[in-house]
């Protein structure tokens, strides 16, 4: 049986507010970014990655999760795990995003809840958990600082391959 870490990829990236298009997923720039993510996830799957882990934050995490779920629906032998920082992660989100979040969680093969309280520490713990399971990180980092940059930098320090989109 293959080493699970060698076939596992996680995602890190910004929330929609960090992009010029914000929450407008019909904006051509968002459509293009999602297409680039899809191609990158396809490349990872082609390289033998079959397990994917998402942190389930708004934006890149959820977009990547949806791409993996679409690939699974098309018959690809992939699994998706959600690593949520705390129960109620989406409790204060607008209803459409909260429903989308819940739908993704229902379709995941596994859900791991890191802590009890949603705060900076559980977010960092969630990111460390994802890295501990992965040998590849697909990252969208458009600005210095923040959780996405921290996670991509930590992955590189740990010797984990990072593909930037």
C-alpha atoms as a PDB file:
ATOM      1  CA  UNK A   1       0.000   0.000   0.000  1.00  0.00           C
ATOM      2  CA  UNK A   2       1.444   3.415  -0.931  1.00  0.00           C
ATOM      3  CA  UNK A   3       2.487   5.928   1.712  1.00  0.00           C
ATOM      4  CA  UNK A   4      -0.649   8.045   2.239  1.00  0.00           C
ATOM      5  CA  UNK A   5       1.403  11.212   2.577  1.00  0.00           C
ATOM      6  CA  UNK A   6       2.994  10.670  -0.851  1.00  0.00           C
ATOM      7  CA  UNK A   7      -0.424  10.662  -2.531  1.00  0.00           C
ATOM      8  CA  UNK A   8      -1.932  13.546  -0.550  1.00  0.00           C
ATOM      9  CA  UNK A   9      -2.204  17.174  -1.638  1.00  0.00           C
ATOM     10  CA  UNK A  10      -3.662  20.080   0.304  1.00  0.00           C
ATOM     11  CA  UNK A  11      -4.686  23.578  -0.697  1.00  0.00           C
ATOM     12  CA  UNK A  12      -3.990  27.032   0.664  1.00  0.00           C
ATOM     13  CA  UNK A  13      -5.089  30.360  -0.697  1.00  0.00           C
ATOM     14  CA  UNK A  14      -6.789  33.627  -0.042  1.00  0.00           C
ATOM     15  CA  UNK A  15     -10.367  34.382   0.739  1.00  0.00           C
ATOM     16  CA  UNK A  16     -12.319  36.265  -1.946  1.00  0.00           C
ATOM     17  CA  UNK A  17     -11.742  39.690  -0.360  1.00  0.00           C
ATOM     18  CA  UNK A  18      -8.030  39.441  -1.181  1.00  0.00           C
ATOM     19  CA  UNK A  19      -8.749  39.424  -4.919  1.00  0.00           C
ATOM     20  CA  UNK A  20      -9.746  42.404  -7.066  1.00  0.00           C
ATOM     21  CA  UNK A  21     -12.879  40.518  -8.126  1.00  0.00           C
ATOM     22  CA  UNK A  22     -13.953  39.886  -4.524  1.00  0.00           C
ATOM     23  CA  UNK A  23     -16.967  37.597  -4.314  1.00  0.00           C
ATOM     24  CA  UNK A  24     -17.897  37.936  -8.002  1.00  0.00           C
ATOM     25  CA  UNK A  25     -17.201  34.412  -9.248  1.00  0.00           C
ATOM     26  CA  UNK A  26     -18.512  35.345 -12.698  1.00  0.00           C
ATOM     27  CA  UNK A  27     -15.716  37.896 -13.103  1.00  0.00           C
ATOM     28  CA  UNK A  28     -13.390  36.690 -15.900  1.00  0.00           C
ATOM     29  CA  UNK A  29     -10.398  36.873 -13.528  1.00  0.00           C
ATOM     30  CA  UNK A  30     -12.093  34.513 -11.065  1.00  0.00           C
ATOM     31  CA  UNK A  31     -13.168  32.196 -13.882  1.00  0.00           C
ATOM     32  CA  UNK A  32      -9.548  32.127 -15.105  1.00  0.00           C
ATOM     33  CA  UNK A  33      -8.178  31.451 -11.618  1.00  0.00           C
ATOM     34  CA  UNK A  34     -10.599  28.572 -11.150  1.00  0.00           C
ATOM     35  CA  UNK A  35      -9.562  27.163 -14.539  1.00  0.00           C
ATOM     36  CA  UNK A  36      -5.895  27.365 -13.515  1.00  0.00           C
ATOM     37  CA  UNK A  37      -6.745  25.596 -10.252  1.00  0.00           C
ATOM     38  CA  UNK A  38      -8.580  22.888 -12.164  1.00  0.00           C
ATOM     39  CA  UNK A  39      -5.606  22.340 -14.480  1.00  0.00           C
ATOM     40  CA  UNK A  40      -3.231  22.205 -11.502  1.00  0.00           C
ATOM     41  CA  UNK A  41      -5.409  19.701  -9.635  1.00  0.00           C
ATOM     42  CA  UNK A  42      -5.651  17.633 -12.838  1.00  0.00           C
ATOM     43  CA  UNK A  43      -1.852  17.712 -13.043  1.00  0.00           C
ATOM     44  CA  UNK A  44      -1.569  16.543  -9.424  1.00  0.00           C
ATOM     45  CA  UNK A  45      -4.027  13.719 -10.072  1.00  0.00           C
ATOM     46  CA  UNK A  46      -2.045  12.784 -13.172  1.00  0.00           C
ATOM     47  CA  UNK A  47       1.089  12.626 -11.018  1.00  0.00           C
ATOM     48  CA  UNK A  48      -0.576  10.099  -8.702  1.00  0.00           C
ATOM     49  CA  UNK A  49      -2.160  12.304  -6.051  1.00  0.00           C
ATOM     50  CA  UNK A  50      -5.495  10.767  -5.114  1.00  0.00           C
ATOM     51  CA  UNK A  51      -6.147  12.269  -1.672  1.00  0.00           C
ATOM     52  CA  UNK A  52      -6.909  15.967  -1.324  1.00  0.00           C
ATOM     53  CA  UNK A  53      -7.359  18.004   1.846  1.00  0.00           C
ATOM     54  CA  UNK A  54      -9.156  21.346   2.030  1.00  0.00           C
ATOM     55  CA  UNK A  55      -9.315  23.780   4.937  1.00  0.00           C
ATOM     56  CA  UNK A  56     -12.829  24.827   3.858  1.00  0.00           C
ATOM     57  CA  UNK A  57     -12.247  28.586   4.062  1.00  0.00           C
ATOM     58  CA  UNK A  58     -14.127  30.813   1.641  1.00  0.00           C
ATOM     59  CA  UNK A  59     -12.440  31.270  -1.705  1.00  0.00           C
ATOM     60  CA  UNK A  60      -9.572  29.072  -2.849  1.00  0.00           C
ATOM     61  CA  UNK A  61     -10.186  26.259  -0.327  1.00  0.00           C
ATOM     62  CA  UNK A  62     -13.817  25.830  -1.313  1.00  0.00           C
ATOM     63  CA  UNK A  63     -13.153  26.295  -5.043  1.00  0.00           C
ATOM     64  CA  UNK A  64     -10.535  23.537  -4.944  1.00  0.00           C
ATOM     65  CA  UNK A  65     -12.875  21.282  -2.976  1.00  0.00           C
ATOM     66  CA  UNK A  66     -15.577  21.771  -5.600  1.00  0.00           C
ATOM     67  CA  UNK A  67     -13.128  20.973  -8.391  1.00  0.00           C
ATOM     68  CA  UNK A  68     -12.120  17.713  -6.677  1.00  0.00           C
ATOM     69  CA  UNK A  69     -15.790  16.838  -6.112  1.00  0.00           C
ATOM     70  CA  UNK A  70     -16.518  17.470  -9.809  1.00  0.00           C
ATOM     71  CA  UNK A  71     -13.633  15.189 -10.750  1.00  0.00           C
ATOM     72  CA  UNK A  72     -14.967  12.504  -8.402  1.00  0.00           C
ATOM     73  CA  UNK A  73     -18.415  12.852  -9.960  1.00  0.00           C
ATOM     74  CA  UNK A  74     -16.791  12.260 -13.355  1.00  0.00           C
ATOM     75  CA  UNK A  75     -15.512   8.935 -12.027  1.00  0.00           C
ATOM     76  CA  UNK A  76     -11.984   9.853 -10.947  1.00  0.00           C
ATOM     77  CA  UNK A  77     -10.826   7.686  -8.012  1.00  0.00           C
ATOM     78  CA  UNK A  78     -10.115  10.594  -5.662  1.00  0.00           C
ATOM     79  CA  UNK A  79     -10.916  11.302  -2.037  1.00  0.00           C
ATOM     80  CA  UNK A  80     -11.535  14.645  -0.367  1.00  0.00           C
ATOM     81  CA  UNK A  81     -11.026  15.408   3.299  1.00  0.00           C
ATOM     82  CA  UNK A  82     -12.175  18.607   4.959  1.00  0.00           C
ATOM     83  CA  UNK A  83      -9.975  19.880   7.780  1.00  0.00           C
ATOM     84  CA  UNK A  84     -12.152  22.428   9.541  1.00  0.00           C
ATOM     85  CA  UNK A  85     -10.618  24.599  12.233  1.00  0.00           C
ATOM     86  CA  UNK A  86     -13.712  24.377  14.484  1.00  0.00           C
ATOM     87  CA  UNK A  87     -17.359  23.429  14.367  1.00  0.00           C
ATOM     88  CA  UNK A  88     -19.462  26.325  13.199  1.00  0.00           C
ATOM     89  CA  UNK A  89     -16.721  27.618  10.885  1.00  0.00           C
ATOM     90  CA  UNK A  90     -19.398  28.978   8.539  1.00  0.00           C
ATOM     91  CA  UNK A  91     -21.981  29.976  11.167  1.00  0.00           C
ATOM     92  CA  UNK A  92     -21.684  33.717  10.482  1.00  0.00           C
ATOM     93  CA  UNK A  93     -21.345  33.485   6.718  1.00  0.00           C
ATOM     94  CA  UNK A  94     -24.140  34.616   4.392  1.00  0.00           C
ATOM     95  CA  UNK A  95     -26.709  31.845   3.831  1.00  0.00           C
ATOM     96  CA  UNK A  96     -25.625  30.931   0.253  1.00  0.00           C
ATOM     97  CA  UNK A  97     -21.982  30.471   1.302  1.00  0.00           C
ATOM     98  CA  UNK A  98     -23.010  28.581   4.435  1.00  0.00           C
ATOM     99  CA  UNK A  99     -25.166  26.214   2.354  1.00  0.00           C
ATOM    100  CA  UNK A 100     -22.345  25.697  -0.137  1.00  0.00           C
ATOM    101  CA  UNK A 101     -19.983  24.925   2.760  1.00  0.00           C
ATOM    102  CA  UNK A 102     -22.426  22.398   4.233  1.00  0.00           C
ATOM    103  CA  UNK A 103     -22.923  20.741   0.829  1.00  0.00           C
ATOM    104  CA  UNK A 104     -19.166  20.285   0.387  1.00  0.00           C
ATOM    105  CA  UNK A 105     -18.843  18.823   3.896  1.00  0.00           C
ATOM    106  CA  UNK A 106     -21.630  16.318   3.163  1.00  0.00           C
ATOM    107  CA  UNK A 107     -19.809  15.162   0.024  1.00  0.00           C
ATOM    108  CA  UNK A 108     -16.375  14.816   1.642  1.00  0.00           C
ATOM    109  CA  UNK A 109     -15.008  11.358   2.330  1.00  0.00           C
ATOM    110  CA  UNK A 110     -13.787  12.522   5.739  1.00  0.00           C
ATOM    111  CA  UNK A 111     -14.127  15.580   7.959  1.00  0.00           C
ATOM    112  CA  UNK A 112     -11.558  16.380  10.643  1.00  0.00           C
ATOM    113  CA  UNK A 113     -12.355  19.088  13.171  1.00  0.00           C
ATOM    114  CA  UNK A 114      -9.230  20.608  14.694  1.00  0.00           C
ATOM    115  CA  UNK A 115     -10.566  22.465  17.743  1.00  0.00           C
ATOM    116  CA  UNK A 116     -13.567  23.747  19.642  1.00  0.00           C
ATOM    117  CA  UNK A 117     -13.160  27.474  19.150  1.00  0.00           C
ATOM    118  CA  UNK A 118     -12.657  29.366  15.891  1.00  0.00           C
ATOM    119  CA  UNK A 119      -9.625  31.588  16.443  1.00  0.00           C
ATOM    120  CA  UNK A 120      -6.196  32.257  14.989  1.00  0.00           C
ATOM    121  CA  UNK A 121      -4.641  29.314  16.823  1.00  0.00           C
ATOM    122  CA  UNK A 122      -7.132  26.766  15.484  1.00  0.00           C
ATOM    123  CA  UNK A 123      -6.632  28.164  11.979  1.00  0.00           C
ATOM    124  CA  UNK A 124      -2.877  27.620  12.341  1.00  0.00           C
ATOM    125  CA  UNK A 125      -3.454  24.161  13.822  1.00  0.00           C
ATOM    126  CA  UNK A 126      -5.687  23.315  10.849  1.00  0.00           C
ATOM    127  CA  UNK A 127      -2.948  24.408   8.431  1.00  0.00           C
ATOM    128  CA  UNK A 128      -0.307  22.386  10.298  1.00  0.00           C
ATOM    129  CA  UNK A 129      -2.589  19.347  10.242  1.00  0.00           C
ATOM    130  CA  UNK A 130      -3.027  19.620   6.468  1.00  0.00           C
ATOM    131  CA  UNK A 131       0.732  19.927   5.959  1.00  0.00           C
ATOM    132  CA  UNK A 132       1.389  16.911   8.180  1.00  0.00           C
ATOM    133  CA  UNK A 133      -0.727  14.806   5.810  1.00  0.00           C
ATOM    134  CA  UNK A 134       0.622  16.155   2.521  1.00  0.00           C
ATOM    135  CA  UNK A 135       3.600  15.974   0.220  1.00  0.00           C
ATOM    136  CA  UNK A 136       2.198  18.614  -2.147  1.00  0.00           C
ATOM    137  CA  UNK A 137       0.571  21.984  -1.561  1.00  0.00           C
ATOM    138  CA  UNK A 138      -1.322  23.859  -4.252  1.00  0.00           C
ATOM    139  CA  UNK A 139      -1.093  27.515  -3.223  1.00  0.00           C
ATOM    140  CA  UNK A 140      -2.615  30.777  -4.386  1.00  0.00           C
ATOM    141  CA  UNK A 141      -0.605  33.516  -2.719  1.00  0.00           C
ATOM    142  CA  UNK A 142      -1.145  37.012  -4.086  1.00  0.00           C
ATOM    143  CA  UNK A 143       0.072  39.023  -1.102  1.00  0.00           C
ATOM    144  CA  UNK A 144       2.661  38.753   1.612  1.00  0.00           C
ATOM    145  CA  UNK A 145       1.443  37.822   5.032  1.00  0.00           C
ATOM    146  CA  UNK A 146      -1.752  36.075   5.964  1.00  0.00           C
ATOM    147  CA  UNK A 147      -2.538  32.420   6.428  1.00  0.00           C
ATOM    148  CA  UNK A 148      -1.980  31.370   2.819  1.00  0.00           C
ATOM    149  CA  UNK A 149       1.530  32.823   2.649  1.00  0.00           C
ATOM    150  CA  UNK A 150       2.349  31.451   6.111  1.00  0.00           C
ATOM    151  CA  UNK A 151       1.217  27.959   5.093  1.00  0.00           C
ATOM    152  CA  UNK A 152       3.062  27.969   1.759  1.00  0.00           C
ATOM    153  CA  UNK A 153       6.244  29.217   3.452  1.00  0.00           C
ATOM    154  CA  UNK A 154       5.941  26.616   6.221  1.00  0.00           C
ATOM    155  CA  UNK A 155       5.469  23.880   3.619  1.00  0.00           C
ATOM    156  CA  UNK A 156       8.634  24.964   1.826  1.00  0.00           C
ATOM    157  CA  UNK A 157      10.572  25.006   5.125  1.00  0.00           C
ATOM    158  CA  UNK A 158       9.342  21.455   5.808  1.00  0.00           C
ATOM    159  CA  UNK A 159      10.495  20.269   2.386  1.00  0.00           C
ATOM    160  CA  UNK A 160       6.961  19.864   1.042  1.00  0.00           C
ATOM    161  CA  UNK A 161       6.572  20.647  -2.650  1.00  0.00           C
ATOM    162  CA  UNK A 162       4.555  23.820  -3.329  1.00  0.00           C
ATOM    163  CA  UNK A 163       2.924  24.540  -6.660  1.00  0.00           C
ATOM    164  CA  UNK A 164       1.952  28.193  -6.936  1.00  0.00           C
ATOM    165  CA  UNK A 165      -1.022  29.108  -9.076  1.00  0.00           C
END
